[in-house]
Amino acid sequence: MSKFLRYTFLIQAIIAILCGAGLLIAPGRFLGLFGWGPIEPLLFRLLGAALLAMAWTSIYAFRASSRAQVEVLVQMQLIFCGLGALGFFRHLITGSFYPTVVWIVTAVLVLFTAAWTWALFKK
């Protein structure tokens, strides 16, 4: 497995652990740090759990020895990040005001979408 793919999984795992734990444990306080509110705590806790599950798969993939072992995980990450970026972008183009953190999350999702696309097609 390439170093690029290995470190993409590692970086994604770190970001997912930090954000997922904050959203699962105290979503209102965590998002309040970034000026993002009001929120629906149940949905954000579910997102936190999903991010922690994705972090677990990324740690597994980081430790994998072959590309074949992580192919489905690359596809899963690409779909999640791509659809998430599209969903956020749809709101950002409406002209409504969104906190800076929404723009940052969108940028991170776009960067990961590009990285996962690169990893998927560069075998």
PDB file of N, CA and C in Angstrom:
ATOM      1  N   MET A   1       0.848  -1.173   0.000  1.00  0.00           N
ATOM      2  CA  MET A   1       0.000   0.000   0.000  1.00  0.00           C
ATOM      3  C   MET A   1       0.899   1.243   0.000  1.00  0.00           C
ATOM      4  N   SER A   2       0.494   2.264  -0.732  1.00  0.00           N
ATOM      5  CA  SER A   2       1.308   3.466  -0.867  1.00  0.00           C
ATOM      6  C   SER A   2       1.337   4.276   0.435  1.00  0.00           C
ATOM      7  N   LYS A   3       2.409   5.055   0.573  1.00  0.00           N
ATOM      8  CA  LYS A   3       2.515   5.926   1.749  1.00  0.00           C
ATOM      9  C   LYS A   3       1.426   6.988   1.732  1.00  0.00           C
ATOM     10  N   PHE A   4       1.102   7.493   0.541  1.00  0.00           N
ATOM     11  CA  PHE A   4       0.052   8.496   0.422  1.00  0.00           C
ATOM     12  C   PHE A   4      -1.259   7.973   0.993  1.00  0.00           C
ATOM     13  N   LEU A   5      -1.646   6.775   0.599  1.00  0.00           N
ATOM     14  CA  LEU A   5      -2.898   6.189   1.079  1.00  0.00           C
ATOM     15  C   LEU A   5      -2.836   5.919   2.575  1.00  0.00           C
ATOM     16  N   ARG A   6      -1.720   5.404   3.017  1.00  0.00           N
ATOM     17  CA  ARG A   6      -1.547   5.092   4.440  1.00  0.00           C
ATOM     18  C   ARG A   6      -1.700   6.356   5.296  1.00  0.00           C
ATOM     19  N   TYR A   7      -1.048   7.445   4.896  1.00  0.00           N
ATOM     20  CA  TYR A   7      -1.119   8.674   5.683  1.00  0.00           C
ATOM     21  C   TYR A   7      -2.457   9.397   5.516  1.00  0.00           C
ATOM     22  N   THR A   8      -3.116   9.207   4.388  1.00  0.00           N
ATOM     23  CA  THR A   8      -4.465   9.756   4.237  1.00  0.00           C
ATOM     24  C   THR A   8      -5.393   9.108   5.249  1.00  0.00           C
ATOM     25  N   PHE A   9      -5.284   7.798   5.416  1.00  0.00           N
ATOM     26  CA  PHE A   9      -6.086   7.107   6.432  1.00  0.00           C
ATOM     27  C   PHE A   9      -5.739   7.607   7.833  1.00  0.00           C
ATOM     28  N   LEU A  10      -4.469   7.821   8.109  1.00  0.00           N
ATOM     29  CA  LEU A  10      -4.061   8.278   9.437  1.00  0.00           C
ATOM     30  C   LEU A  10      -4.599   9.679   9.743  1.00  0.00           C
ATOM     31  N   ILE A  11      -4.461  10.582   8.799  1.00  0.00           N
ATOM     32  CA  ILE A  11      -4.951  11.958   9.004  1.00  0.00           C
ATOM     33  C   ILE A  11      -6.467  11.952   9.176  1.00  0.00           C
ATOM     34  N   GLN A  12      -7.161  11.171   8.355  1.00  0.00           N
ATOM     35  CA  GLN A  12      -8.611  11.092   8.464  1.00  0.00           C
ATOM     36  C   GLN A  12      -9.010  10.526   9.816  1.00  0.00           C
ATOM     37  N   ALA A  13      -8.287   9.535  10.306  1.00  0.00           N
ATOM     38  CA  ALA A  13      -8.604   8.929  11.606  1.00  0.00           C
ATOM     39  C   ALA A  13      -8.449   9.950  12.736  1.00  0.00           C
ATOM     40  N   ILE A  14      -7.399  10.731  12.696  1.00  0.00           N
ATOM     41  CA  ILE A  14      -7.167  11.728  13.745  1.00  0.00           C
ATOM     42  C   ILE A  14      -8.280  12.773  13.750  1.00  0.00           C
ATOM     43  N   ILE A  15      -8.616  13.292  12.575  1.00  0.00           N
ATOM     44  CA  ILE A  15      -9.685  14.292  12.486  1.00  0.00           C
ATOM     45  C   ILE A  15     -11.020  13.688  12.935  1.00  0.00           C
ATOM     46  N   ALA A  16     -11.305  12.466  12.504  1.00  0.00           N
ATOM     47  CA  ALA A  16     -12.574  11.818  12.864  1.00  0.00           C
ATOM     48  C   ALA A  16     -12.653  11.537  14.357  1.00  0.00           C
ATOM     49  N   ILE A  17     -11.555  11.159  14.977  1.00  0.00           N
ATOM     50  CA  ILE A  17     -11.558  10.912  16.422  1.00  0.00           C
ATOM     51  C   ILE A  17     -11.828  12.204  17.184  1.00  0.00           C
ATOM     52  N   LEU A  18     -11.138  13.270  16.816  1.00  0.00           N
ATOM     53  CA  LEU A  18     -11.314  14.540  17.521  1.00  0.00           C
ATOM     54  C   LEU A  18     -12.736  15.079  17.362  1.00  0.00           C
ATOM     55  N   CYS A  19     -13.224  15.091  16.137  1.00  0.00           N
ATOM     56  CA  CYS A  19     -14.578  15.617  15.905  1.00  0.00           C
ATOM     57  C   CYS A  19     -15.645  14.649  16.403  1.00  0.00           C
ATOM     58  N   GLY A  20     -15.455  13.381  16.167  1.00  0.00           N
ATOM     59  CA  GLY A  20     -16.443  12.381  16.578  1.00  0.00           C
ATOM     60  C   GLY A  20     -16.620  12.324  18.081  1.00  0.00           C
ATOM     61  N   ALA A  21     -15.525  12.376  18.819  1.00  0.00           N
ATOM     62  CA  ALA A  21     -15.627  12.342  20.282  1.00  0.00           C
ATOM     63  C   ALA A  21     -16.349  13.578  20.801  1.00  0.00           C
ATOM     64  N   GLY A  22     -16.003  14.734  20.260  1.00  0.00           N
ATOM     65  CA  GLY A  22     -16.671  15.961  20.688  1.00  0.00           C
ATOM     66  C   GLY A  22     -18.163  15.940  20.401  1.00  0.00           C
ATOM     67  N   LEU A  23     -18.531  15.448  19.229  1.00  0.00           N
ATOM     68  CA  LEU A  23     -19.950  15.396  18.864  1.00  0.00           C
ATOM     69  C   LEU A  23     -20.713  14.347  19.656  1.00  0.00           C
ATOM     70  N   LEU A  24     -20.082  13.240  19.959  1.00  0.00           N
ATOM     71  CA  LEU A  24     -20.759  12.185  20.710  1.00  0.00           C
ATOM     72  C   LEU A  24     -20.933  12.560  22.181  1.00  0.00           C
ATOM     73  N   ILE A  25     -19.913  13.134  22.778  1.00  0.00           N
ATOM     74  CA  ILE A  25     -19.935  13.411  24.213  1.00  0.00           C
ATOM     75  C   ILE A  25     -20.741  14.661  24.552  1.00  0.00           C
ATOM     76  N   ALA A  26     -20.476  15.769  23.862  1.00  0.00           N
ATOM     77  CA  ALA A  26     -21.147  17.033  24.186  1.00  0.00           C
ATOM     78  C   ALA A  26     -21.311  17.859  22.908  1.00  0.00           C
ATOM     79  N   PRO A  27     -22.267  17.502  22.066  1.00  0.00           N
ATOM     80  CA  PRO A  27     -22.379  18.174  20.770  1.00  0.00           C
ATOM     81  C   PRO A  27     -22.639  19.676  20.870  1.00  0.00           C
ATOM     82  N   GLY A  28     -23.479  20.090  21.785  1.00  0.00           N
ATOM     83  CA  GLY A  28     -23.779  21.514  21.926  1.00  0.00           C
ATOM     84  C   GLY A  28     -22.560  22.330  22.322  1.00  0.00           C
ATOM     85  N   ARG A  29     -21.821  21.845  23.302  1.00  0.00           N
ATOM     86  CA  ARG A  29     -20.617  22.557  23.749  1.00  0.00           C
ATOM     87  C   ARG A  29     -19.527  22.523  22.685  1.00  0.00           C
ATOM     88  N   PHE A  30     -19.367  21.349  22.050  1.00  0.00           N
ATOM     89  CA  PHE A  30     -18.328  21.204  21.033  1.00  0.00           C
ATOM     90  C   PHE A  30     -18.576  22.156  19.865  1.00  0.00           C
ATOM     91  N   LEU A  31     -19.784  22.160  19.330  1.00  0.00           N
ATOM     92  CA  LEU A  31     -20.087  23.036  18.200  1.00  0.00           C
ATOM     93  C   LEU A  31     -20.195  24.497  18.631  1.00  0.00           C
ATOM     94  N   GLY A  32     -20.553  24.723  19.892  1.00  0.00           N
ATOM     95  CA  GLY A  32     -20.591  26.082  20.411  1.00  0.00           C
ATOM     96  C   GLY A  32     -19.219  26.750  20.399  1.00  0.00           C
ATOM     97  N   LEU A  33     -18.156  25.947  20.516  1.00  0.00           N
ATOM     98  CA  LEU A  33     -16.801  26.488  20.438  1.00  0.00           C
ATOM     99  C   LEU A  33     -16.539  27.159  19.091  1.00  0.00           C
ATOM    100  N   PHE A  34     -17.255  26.707  18.071  1.00  0.00           N
ATOM    101  CA  PHE A  34     -17.060  27.214  16.715  1.00  0.00           C
ATOM    102  C   PHE A  34     -18.172  28.164  16.276  1.00  0.00           C
ATOM    103  N   GLY A  35     -19.072  28.491  17.192  1.00  0.00           N
ATOM    104  CA  GLY A  35     -20.177  29.383  16.862  1.00  0.00           C
ATOM    105  C   GLY A  35     -21.237  28.731  15.994  1.00  0.00           C
ATOM    106  N   TRP A  36     -21.357  27.431  16.092  1.00  0.00           N
ATOM    107  CA  TRP A  36     -22.305  26.690  15.267  1.00  0.00           C
ATOM    108  C   TRP A  36     -23.463  26.237  16.140  1.00  0.00           C
ATOM    109  N   GLY A  37     -24.605  26.804  15.957  1.00  0.00           N
ATOM    110  CA  GLY A  37     -25.763  26.445  16.753  1.00  0.00           C
ATOM    111  C   GLY A  37     -26.969  27.194  16.236  1.00  0.00           C
ATOM    112  N   PRO A  38     -28.133  26.924  16.652  1.00  0.00           N
ATOM    113  CA  PRO A  38     -28.531  25.818  17.524  1.00  0.00           C
ATOM    114  C   PRO A  38     -28.432  24.484  16.781  1.00  0.00           C
ATOM    115  N   ILE A  39     -28.404  23.435  17.527  1.00  0.00           N
ATOM    116  CA  ILE A  39     -28.202  22.110  16.935  1.00  0.00           C
ATOM    117  C   ILE A  39     -29.246  21.125  17.445  1.00  0.00           C
ATOM    118  N   GLU A  40     -29.325  20.000  16.779  1.00  0.00           N
ATOM    119  CA  GLU A  40     -30.157  18.877  17.219  1.00  0.00           C
ATOM    120  C   GLU A  40     -29.194  17.853  17.833  1.00  0.00           C
ATOM    121  N   PRO A  41     -29.140  17.752  19.167  1.00  0.00           N
ATOM    122  CA  PRO A  41     -28.122  16.920  19.808  1.00  0.00           C
ATOM    123  C   PRO A  41     -28.189  15.442  19.428  1.00  0.00           C
ATOM    124  N   LEU A  42     -29.368  14.911  19.222  1.00  0.00           N
ATOM    125  CA  LEU A  42     -29.463  13.484  18.883  1.00  0.00           C
ATOM    126  C   LEU A  42     -28.814  13.185  17.536  1.00  0.00           C
ATOM    127  N   LEU A  43     -29.078  14.021  16.554  1.00  0.00           N
ATOM    128  CA  LEU A  43     -28.479  13.800  15.238  1.00  0.00           C
ATOM    129  C   LEU A  43     -26.967  14.000  15.259  1.00  0.00           C
ATOM    130  N   PHE A  44     -26.519  14.995  16.013  1.00  0.00           N
ATOM    131  CA  PHE A  44     -25.081  15.234  16.075  1.00  0.00           C
ATOM    132  C   PHE A  44     -24.359  14.153  16.872  1.00  0.00           C
ATOM    133  N   ARG A  45     -25.021  13.574  17.855  1.00  0.00           N
ATOM    134  CA  ARG A  45     -24.411  12.431  18.562  1.00  0.00           C
ATOM    135  C   ARG A  45     -24.291  11.237  17.621  1.00  0.00           C
ATOM    136  N   LEU A  46     -25.290  11.035  16.784  1.00  0.00           N
ATOM    137  CA  LEU A  46     -25.229   9.962  15.797  1.00  0.00           C
ATOM    138  C   LEU A  46     -24.099  10.208  14.801  1.00  0.00           C
ATOM    139  N   LEU A  47     -23.933  11.464  14.372  1.00  0.00           N
ATOM    140  CA  LEU A  47     -22.810  11.799  13.496  1.00  0.00           C
ATOM    141  C   LEU A  47     -21.482  11.541  14.203  1.00  0.00           C
ATOM    142  N   GLY A  48     -21.404  11.888  15.478  1.00  0.00           N
ATOM    143  CA  GLY A  48     -20.188  11.609  16.244  1.00  0.00           C
ATOM    144  C   GLY A  48     -19.875  10.126  16.289  1.00  0.00           C
ATOM    145  N   ALA A  49     -20.896   9.307  16.503  1.00  0.00           N
ATOM    146  CA  ALA A  49     -20.696   7.855  16.512  1.00  0.00           C
ATOM    147  C   ALA A  49     -20.234   7.363  15.143  1.00  0.00           C
ATOM    148  N   ALA A  50     -20.818   7.906  14.081  1.00  0.00           N
ATOM    149  CA  ALA A  50     -20.415   7.514  12.725  1.00  0.00           C
ATOM    150  C   ALA A  50     -18.965   7.912  12.449  1.00  0.00           C
ATOM    151  N   LEU A  51     -18.570   9.095  12.888  1.00  0.00           N
ATOM    152  CA  LEU A  51     -17.187   9.525  12.684  1.00  0.00           C
ATOM    153  C   LEU A  51     -16.208   8.653  13.464  1.00  0.00           C
ATOM    154  N   LEU A  52     -16.588   8.259  14.669  1.00  0.00           N
ATOM    155  CA  LEU A  52     -15.717   7.364  15.448  1.00  0.00           C
ATOM    156  C   LEU A  52     -15.624   5.990  14.792  1.00  0.00           C
ATOM    157  N   ALA A  53     -16.717   5.509  14.220  1.00  0.00           N
ATOM    158  CA  ALA A  53     -16.678   4.234  13.495  1.00  0.00           C
ATOM    159  C   ALA A  53     -15.783   4.356  12.264  1.00  0.00           C
ATOM    160  N   MET A  54     -15.864   5.486  11.576  1.00  0.00           N
ATOM    161  CA  MET A  54     -14.992   5.701  10.414  1.00  0.00           C
ATOM    162  C   MET A  54     -13.529   5.791  10.845  1.00  0.00           C
ATOM    163  N   ALA A  55     -13.274   6.385  11.996  1.00  0.00           N
ATOM    164  CA  ALA A  55     -11.905   6.455  12.508  1.00  0.00           C
ATOM    165  C   ALA A  55     -11.369   5.057  12.785  1.00  0.00           C
ATOM    166  N   TRP A  56     -12.221   4.211  13.332  1.00  0.00           N
ATOM    167  CA  TRP A  56     -11.820   2.823  13.609  1.00  0.00           C
ATOM    168  C   TRP A  56     -11.419   2.120  12.306  1.00  0.00           C
ATOM    169  N   THR A  57     -12.223   2.292  11.253  1.00  0.00           N
ATOM    170  CA  THR A  57     -11.884   1.644   9.980  1.00  0.00           C
ATOM    171  C   THR A  57     -10.610   2.244   9.387  1.00  0.00           C
ATOM    172  N   SER A  58     -10.385   3.534   9.591  1.00  0.00           N
ATOM    173  CA  SER A  58      -9.165   4.157   9.074  1.00  0.00           C
ATOM    174  C   SER A  58      -7.928   3.658   9.813  1.00  0.00           C
ATOM    175  N   ILE A  59      -8.061   3.437  11.110  1.00  0.00           N
ATOM    176  CA  ILE A  59      -6.932   2.872  11.865  1.00  0.00           C
ATOM    177  C   ILE A  59      -6.648   1.450  11.381  1.00  0.00           C
ATOM    178  N   TYR A  60      -7.696   0.685  11.164  1.00  0.00           N
ATOM    179  CA  TYR A  60      -7.540  -0.666  10.604  1.00  0.00           C
ATOM    180  C   TYR A  60      -6.835  -0.584   9.248  1.00  0.00           C
ATOM    181  N   ALA A  61      -7.268   0.334   8.397  1.00  0.00           N
ATOM    182  CA  ALA A  61      -6.684   0.465   7.064  1.00  0.00           C
ATOM    183  C   ALA A  61      -5.232   0.927   7.143  1.00  0.00           C
ATOM    184  N   PHE A  62      -4.922   1.822   8.059  1.00  0.00           N
ATOM    185  CA  PHE A  62      -3.544   2.291   8.234  1.00  0.00           C
ATOM    186  C   PHE A  62      -2.618   1.128   8.561  1.00  0.00           C
ATOM    187  N   ARG A  63      -3.131   0.176   9.319  1.00  0.00           N
ATOM    188  CA  ARG A  63      -2.323  -0.977   9.734  1.00  0.00           C
ATOM    189  C   ARG A  63      -2.317  -2.098   8.706  1.00  0.00           C
ATOM    190  N   ALA A  64      -3.167  -2.030   7.688  1.00  0.00           N
ATOM    191  CA  ALA A  64      -3.261  -3.088   6.682  1.00  0.00           C
ATOM    192  C   ALA A  64      -1.980  -3.156   5.856  1.00  0.00           C
ATOM    193  N   SER A  65      -1.715  -4.333   5.333  1.00  0.00           N
ATOM    194  CA  SER A  65      -0.484  -4.517   4.571  1.00  0.00           C
ATOM    195  C   SER A  65      -0.689  -4.474   3.062  1.00  0.00           C
ATOM    196  N   SER A  66      -1.908  -4.690   2.604  1.00  0.00           N
ATOM    197  CA  SER A  66      -2.115  -4.702   1.154  1.00  0.00           C
ATOM    198  C   SER A  66      -3.260  -3.790   0.745  1.00  0.00           C
ATOM    199  N   ARG A  67      -3.204  -3.370  -0.483  1.00  0.00           N
ATOM    200  CA  ARG A  67      -4.228  -2.497  -1.055  1.00  0.00           C
ATOM    201  C   ARG A  67      -5.587  -3.201  -1.100  1.00  0.00           C
ATOM    202  N   ALA A  68      -5.593  -4.471  -1.382  1.00  0.00           N
ATOM    203  CA  ALA A  68      -6.846  -5.232  -1.496  1.00  0.00           C
ATOM    204  C   ALA A  68      -7.639  -5.215  -0.186  1.00  0.00           C
ATOM    205  N   GLN A  69      -6.944  -5.140   0.935  1.00  0.00           N
ATOM    206  CA  GLN A  69      -7.612  -5.146   2.233  1.00  0.00           C
ATOM    207  C   GLN A  69      -8.380  -3.852   2.503  1.00  0.00           C
ATOM    208  N   VAL A  70      -8.043  -2.778   1.821  1.00  0.00           N
ATOM    209  CA  VAL A  70      -8.649  -1.487   2.127  1.00  0.00           C
ATOM    210  C   VAL A  70      -9.458  -0.892   0.977  1.00  0.00           C
ATOM    211  N   GLU A  71      -9.598  -1.603  -0.109  1.00  0.00           N
ATOM    212  CA  GLU A  71     -10.282  -1.066  -1.292  1.00  0.00           C
ATOM    213  C   GLU A  71     -11.696  -0.580  -0.980  1.00  0.00           C
ATOM    214  N   VAL A  72     -12.465  -1.378  -0.266  1.00  0.00           N
ATOM    215  CA  VAL A  72     -13.841  -0.986   0.071  1.00  0.00           C
ATOM    216  C   VAL A  72     -13.846   0.216   1.005  1.00  0.00           C
ATOM    217  N   LEU A  73     -12.884   0.301   1.900  1.00  0.00           N
ATOM    218  CA  LEU A  73     -12.815   1.437   2.823  1.00  0.00           C
ATOM    219  C   LEU A  73     -12.499   2.735   2.081  1.00  0.00           C
ATOM    220  N   VAL A  74     -11.650   2.671   1.066  1.00  0.00           N
ATOM    221  CA  VAL A  74     -11.364   3.850   0.252  1.00  0.00           C
ATOM    222  C   VAL A  74     -12.645   4.320  -0.431  1.00  0.00           C
ATOM    223  N   GLN A  75     -13.399   3.383  -0.979  1.00  0.00           N
ATOM    224  CA  GLN A  75     -14.657   3.729  -1.645  1.00  0.00           C
ATOM    225  C   GLN A  75     -15.653   4.328  -0.653  1.00  0.00           C
ATOM    226  N   MET A  76     -15.735   3.759   0.540  1.00  0.00           N
ATOM    227  CA  MET A  76     -16.649   4.281   1.557  1.00  0.00           C
ATOM    228  C   MET A  76     -16.278   5.713   1.949  1.00  0.00           C
ATOM    229  N   GLN A  77     -14.994   5.961   2.146  1.00  0.00           N
ATOM    230  CA  GLN A  77     -14.539   7.298   2.510  1.00  0.00           C
ATOM    231  C   GLN A  77     -14.829   8.290   1.382  1.00  0.00           C
ATOM    232  N   LEU A  78     -14.603   7.864   0.143  1.00  0.00           N
ATOM    233  CA  LEU A  78     -14.867   8.734  -1.002  1.00  0.00           C
ATOM    234  C   LEU A  78     -16.343   9.112  -1.082  1.00  0.00           C
ATOM    235  N   ILE A  79     -17.211   8.148  -0.903  1.00  0.00           N
ATOM    236  CA  ILE A  79     -18.650   8.416  -0.971  1.00  0.00           C
ATOM    237  C   ILE A  79     -19.076   9.346   0.172  1.00  0.00           C
ATOM    238  N   PHE A  80     -18.625   9.083   1.385  1.00  0.00           N
ATOM    239  CA  PHE A  80     -18.988   9.923   2.524  1.00  0.00           C
ATOM    240  C   PHE A  80     -18.515  11.367   2.323  1.00  0.00           C
ATOM    241  N   CYS A  81     -17.236  11.528   1.994  1.00  0.00           N
ATOM    242  CA  CYS A  81     -16.687  12.878   1.847  1.00  0.00           C
ATOM    243  C   CYS A  81     -17.286  13.596   0.640  1.00  0.00           C
ATOM    244  N   GLY A  82     -17.466  12.886  -0.459  1.00  0.00           N
ATOM    245  CA  GLY A  82     -18.030  13.505  -1.656  1.00  0.00           C
ATOM    246  C   GLY A  82     -19.459  13.966  -1.446  1.00  0.00           C
ATOM    247  N   LEU A  83     -20.290  13.104  -0.890  1.00  0.00           N
ATOM    248  CA  LEU A  83     -21.676  13.489  -0.645  1.00  0.00           C
ATOM    249  C   LEU A  83     -21.781  14.570   0.432  1.00  0.00           C
ATOM    250  N   GLY A  84     -20.930  14.480   1.450  1.00  0.00           N
ATOM    251  CA  GLY A  84     -20.916  15.516   2.483  1.00  0.00           C
ATOM    252  C   GLY A  84     -20.522  16.867   1.909  1.00  0.00           C
ATOM    253  N   ALA A  85     -19.506  16.892   1.053  1.00  0.00           N
ATOM    254  CA  ALA A  85     -19.081  18.147   0.426  1.00  0.00           C
ATOM    255  C   ALA A  85     -20.188  18.720  -0.450  1.00  0.00           C
ATOM    256  N   LEU A  86     -20.852  17.863  -1.215  1.00  0.00           N
ATOM    257  CA  LEU A  86     -21.963  18.335  -2.054  1.00  0.00           C
ATOM    258  C   LEU A  86     -23.100  18.895  -1.207  1.00  0.00           C
ATOM    259  N   GLY A  87     -23.422  18.213  -0.126  1.00  0.00           N
ATOM    260  CA  GLY A  87     -24.488  18.673   0.753  1.00  0.00           C
ATOM    261  C   GLY A  87     -24.179  20.017   1.383  1.00  0.00           C
ATOM    262  N   PHE A  88     -22.963  20.176   1.862  1.00  0.00           N
ATOM    263  CA  PHE A  88     -22.584  21.453   2.469  1.00  0.00           C
ATOM    264  C   PHE A  88     -22.529  22.552   1.417  1.00  0.00           C
ATOM    265  N   PHE A  89     -21.962  22.234   0.253  1.00  0.00           N
ATOM    266  CA  PHE A  89     -21.831  23.228  -0.807  1.00  0.00           C
ATOM    267  C   PHE A  89     -23.197  23.735  -1.250  1.00  0.00           C
ATOM    268  N   ARG A  90     -24.176  22.862  -1.261  1.00  0.00           N
ATOM    269  CA  ARG A  90     -25.537  23.245  -1.641  1.00  0.00           C
ATOM    270  C   ARG A  90     -26.063  24.352  -0.734  1.00  0.00           C
ATOM    271  N   HIS A  91     -25.748  24.273   0.552  1.00  0.00           N
ATOM    272  CA  HIS A  91     -26.186  25.308   1.485  1.00  0.00           C
ATOM    273  C   HIS A  91     -25.344  26.584   1.354  1.00  0.00           C
ATOM    274  N   LEU A  92     -24.072  26.429   1.101  1.00  0.00           N
ATOM    275  CA  LEU A  92     -23.191  27.590   1.033  1.00  0.00           C
ATOM    276  C   LEU A  92     -23.491  28.480  -0.169  1.00  0.00           C
ATOM    277  N   ILE A  93     -23.997  27.915  -1.256  1.00  0.00           N
ATOM    278  CA  ILE A  93     -24.261  28.729  -2.441  1.00  0.00           C
ATOM    279  C   ILE A  93     -25.583  29.486  -2.364  1.00  0.00           C
ATOM    280  N   THR A  94     -26.371  29.253  -1.316  1.00  0.00           N
ATOM    281  CA  THR A  94     -27.660  29.942  -1.197  1.00  0.00           C
ATOM    282  C   THR A  94     -27.504  31.401  -0.792  1.00  0.00           C
ATOM    283  N   GLY A  95     -26.340  31.775  -0.321  1.00  0.00           N
ATOM    284  CA  GLY A  95     -26.127  33.155   0.079  1.00  0.00           C
ATOM    285  C   GLY A  95     -26.442  33.420   1.536  1.00  0.00           C
ATOM    286  N   SER A  96     -26.922  32.423   2.242  1.00  0.00           N
ATOM    287  CA  SER A  96     -27.183  32.588   3.672  1.00  0.00           C
ATOM    288  C   SER A  96     -25.861  32.669   4.423  1.00  0.00           C
ATOM    289  N   PHE A  97     -25.922  33.226   5.625  1.00  0.00           N
ATOM    290  CA  PHE A  97     -24.716  33.324   6.439  1.00  0.00           C
ATOM    291  C   PHE A  97     -24.480  32.010   7.175  1.00  0.00           C
ATOM    292  N   TYR A  98     -23.276  31.506   7.063  1.00  0.00           N
ATOM    293  CA  TYR A  98     -22.866  30.324   7.818  1.00  0.00           C
ATOM    294  C   TYR A  98     -21.554  30.642   8.516  1.00  0.00           C
ATOM    295  N   PRO A  99     -21.355  30.092   9.710  1.00  0.00           N
ATOM    296  CA  PRO A  99     -20.098  30.348  10.427  1.00  0.00           C
ATOM    297  C   PRO A  99     -18.896  29.845   9.618  1.00  0.00           C
ATOM    298  N   THR A 100     -17.752  30.369   9.942  1.00  0.00           N
ATOM    299  CA  THR A 100     -16.512  29.997   9.259  1.00  0.00           C
ATOM    300  C   THR A 100     -16.256  28.502   9.324  1.00  0.00           C
ATOM    301  N   VAL A 101     -16.650  27.864  10.408  1.00  0.00           N
ATOM    302  CA  VAL A 101     -16.393  26.440  10.560  1.00  0.00           C
ATOM    303  C   VAL A 101     -17.097  25.630   9.467  1.00  0.00           C
ATOM    304  N   VAL A 102     -18.231  26.079   8.974  1.00  0.00           N
ATOM    305  CA  VAL A 102     -18.923  25.364   7.901  1.00  0.00           C
ATOM    306  C   VAL A 102     -18.083  25.400   6.632  1.00  0.00           C
ATOM    307  N   TRP A 103     -17.480  26.547   6.358  1.00  0.00           N
ATOM    308  CA  TRP A 103     -16.597  26.661   5.196  1.00  0.00           C
ATOM    309  C   TRP A 103     -15.362  25.762   5.371  1.00  0.00           C
ATOM    310  N   ILE A 104     -14.842  25.696   6.575  1.00  0.00           N
ATOM    311  CA  ILE A 104     -13.671  24.856   6.842  1.00  0.00           C
ATOM    312  C   ILE A 104     -14.026  23.380   6.671  1.00  0.00           C
ATOM    313  N   VAL A 105     -15.160  22.971   7.211  1.00  0.00           N
ATOM    314  CA  VAL A 105     -15.589  21.575   7.068  1.00  0.00           C
ATOM    315  C   VAL A 105     -15.771  21.237   5.589  1.00  0.00           C
ATOM    316  N   THR A 106     -16.382  22.144   4.837  1.00  0.00           N
ATOM    317  CA  THR A 106     -16.568  21.913   3.405  1.00  0.00           C
ATOM    318  C   THR A 106     -15.226  21.768   2.700  1.00  0.00           C
ATOM    319  N   ALA A 107     -14.275  22.634   3.027  1.00  0.00           N
ATOM    320  CA  ALA A 107     -12.948  22.561   2.412  1.00  0.00           C
ATOM    321  C   ALA A 107     -12.254  21.244   2.756  1.00  0.00           C
ATOM    322  N   VAL A 108     -12.357  20.816   4.006  1.00  0.00           N
ATOM    323  CA  VAL A 108     -11.747  19.547   4.412  1.00  0.00           C
ATOM    324  C   VAL A 108     -12.396  18.384   3.663  1.00  0.00           C
ATOM    325  N   LEU A 109     -13.717  18.408   3.535  1.00  0.00           N
ATOM    326  CA  LEU A 109     -14.407  17.351   2.799  1.00  0.00           C
ATOM    327  C   LEU A 109     -13.991  17.335   1.330  1.00  0.00           C
ATOM    328  N   VAL A 110     -13.839  18.502   0.731  1.00  0.00           N
ATOM    329  CA  VAL A 110     -13.400  18.568  -0.666  1.00  0.00           C
ATOM    330  C   VAL A 110     -11.982  18.023  -0.809  1.00  0.00           C
ATOM    331  N   LEU A 111     -11.094  18.395   0.111  1.00  0.00           N
ATOM    332  CA  LEU A 111      -9.722  17.887   0.063  1.00  0.00           C
ATOM    333  C   LEU A 111      -9.679  16.367   0.227  1.00  0.00           C
ATOM    334  N   PHE A 112     -10.458  15.847   1.174  1.00  0.00           N
ATOM    335  CA  PHE A 112     -10.489  14.401   1.342  1.00  0.00           C
ATOM    336  C   PHE A 112     -11.132  13.715   0.141  1.00  0.00           C
ATOM    337  N   THR A 113     -12.138  14.329  -0.467  1.00  0.00           N
ATOM    338  CA  THR A 113     -12.738  13.754  -1.669  1.00  0.00           C
ATOM    339  C   THR A 113     -11.686  13.636  -2.766  1.00  0.00           C
ATOM    340  N   ALA A 114     -10.884  14.680  -2.930  1.00  0.00           N
ATOM    341  CA  ALA A 114      -9.813  14.637  -3.932  1.00  0.00           C
ATOM    342  C   ALA A 114      -8.778  13.564  -3.589  1.00  0.00           C
ATOM    343  N   ALA A 115      -8.411  13.474  -2.316  1.00  0.00           N
ATOM    344  CA  ALA A 115      -7.418  12.478  -1.896  1.00  0.00           C
ATOM    345  C   ALA A 115      -7.932  11.056  -2.098  1.00  0.00           C
ATOM    346  N   TRP A 116      -9.191  10.804  -1.709  1.00  0.00           N
ATOM    347  CA  TRP A 116      -9.741   9.456  -1.873  1.00  0.00           C
ATOM    348  C   TRP A 116      -9.926   9.106  -3.346  1.00  0.00           C
ATOM    349  N   THR A 117     -10.301  10.095  -4.167  1.00  0.00           N
ATOM    350  CA  THR A 117     -10.420   9.857  -5.611  1.00  0.00           C
ATOM    351  C   THR A 117      -9.070   9.505  -6.188  1.00  0.00           C
ATOM    352  N   TRP A 118      -8.046  10.254  -5.811  1.00  0.00           N
ATOM    353  CA  TRP A 118      -6.679   9.979  -6.257  1.00  0.00           C
ATOM    354  C   TRP A 118      -6.268   8.556  -5.831  1.00  0.00           C
ATOM    355  N   ALA A 119      -6.527   8.228  -4.595  1.00  0.00           N
ATOM    356  CA  ALA A 119      -6.142   6.907  -4.079  1.00  0.00           C
ATOM    357  C   ALA A 119      -6.902   5.795  -4.774  1.00  0.00           C
ATOM    358  N   LEU A 120      -8.141   6.038  -5.128  1.00  0.00           N
ATOM    359  CA  LEU A 120      -8.961   4.998  -5.765  1.00  0.00           C
ATOM    360  C   LEU A 120      -8.475   4.686  -7.168  1.00  0.00           C
ATOM    361  N   PHE A 121      -8.131   5.730  -7.916  1.00  0.00           N
ATOM    362  CA  PHE A 121      -7.760   5.523  -9.301  1.00  0.00           C
ATOM    363  C   PHE A 121      -6.267   5.337  -9.533  1.00  0.00           C
ATOM    364  N   LYS A 122      -5.459   5.638  -8.541  1.00  0.00           N
ATOM    365  CA  LYS A 122      -4.012   5.398  -8.652  1.00  0.00           C
ATOM    366  C   LYS A 122      -3.681   4.108  -7.913  1.00  0.00           C
ATOM    367  N   LYS A 123      -3.673   3.059  -8.645  1.00  0.00           N
ATOM    368  CA  LYS A 123      -3.417   1.754  -8.012  1.00  0.00           C
ATOM    369  C   LYS A 123      -1.985   1.438  -8.232  1.00  0.00           C
TER     370      LYS A 123
END
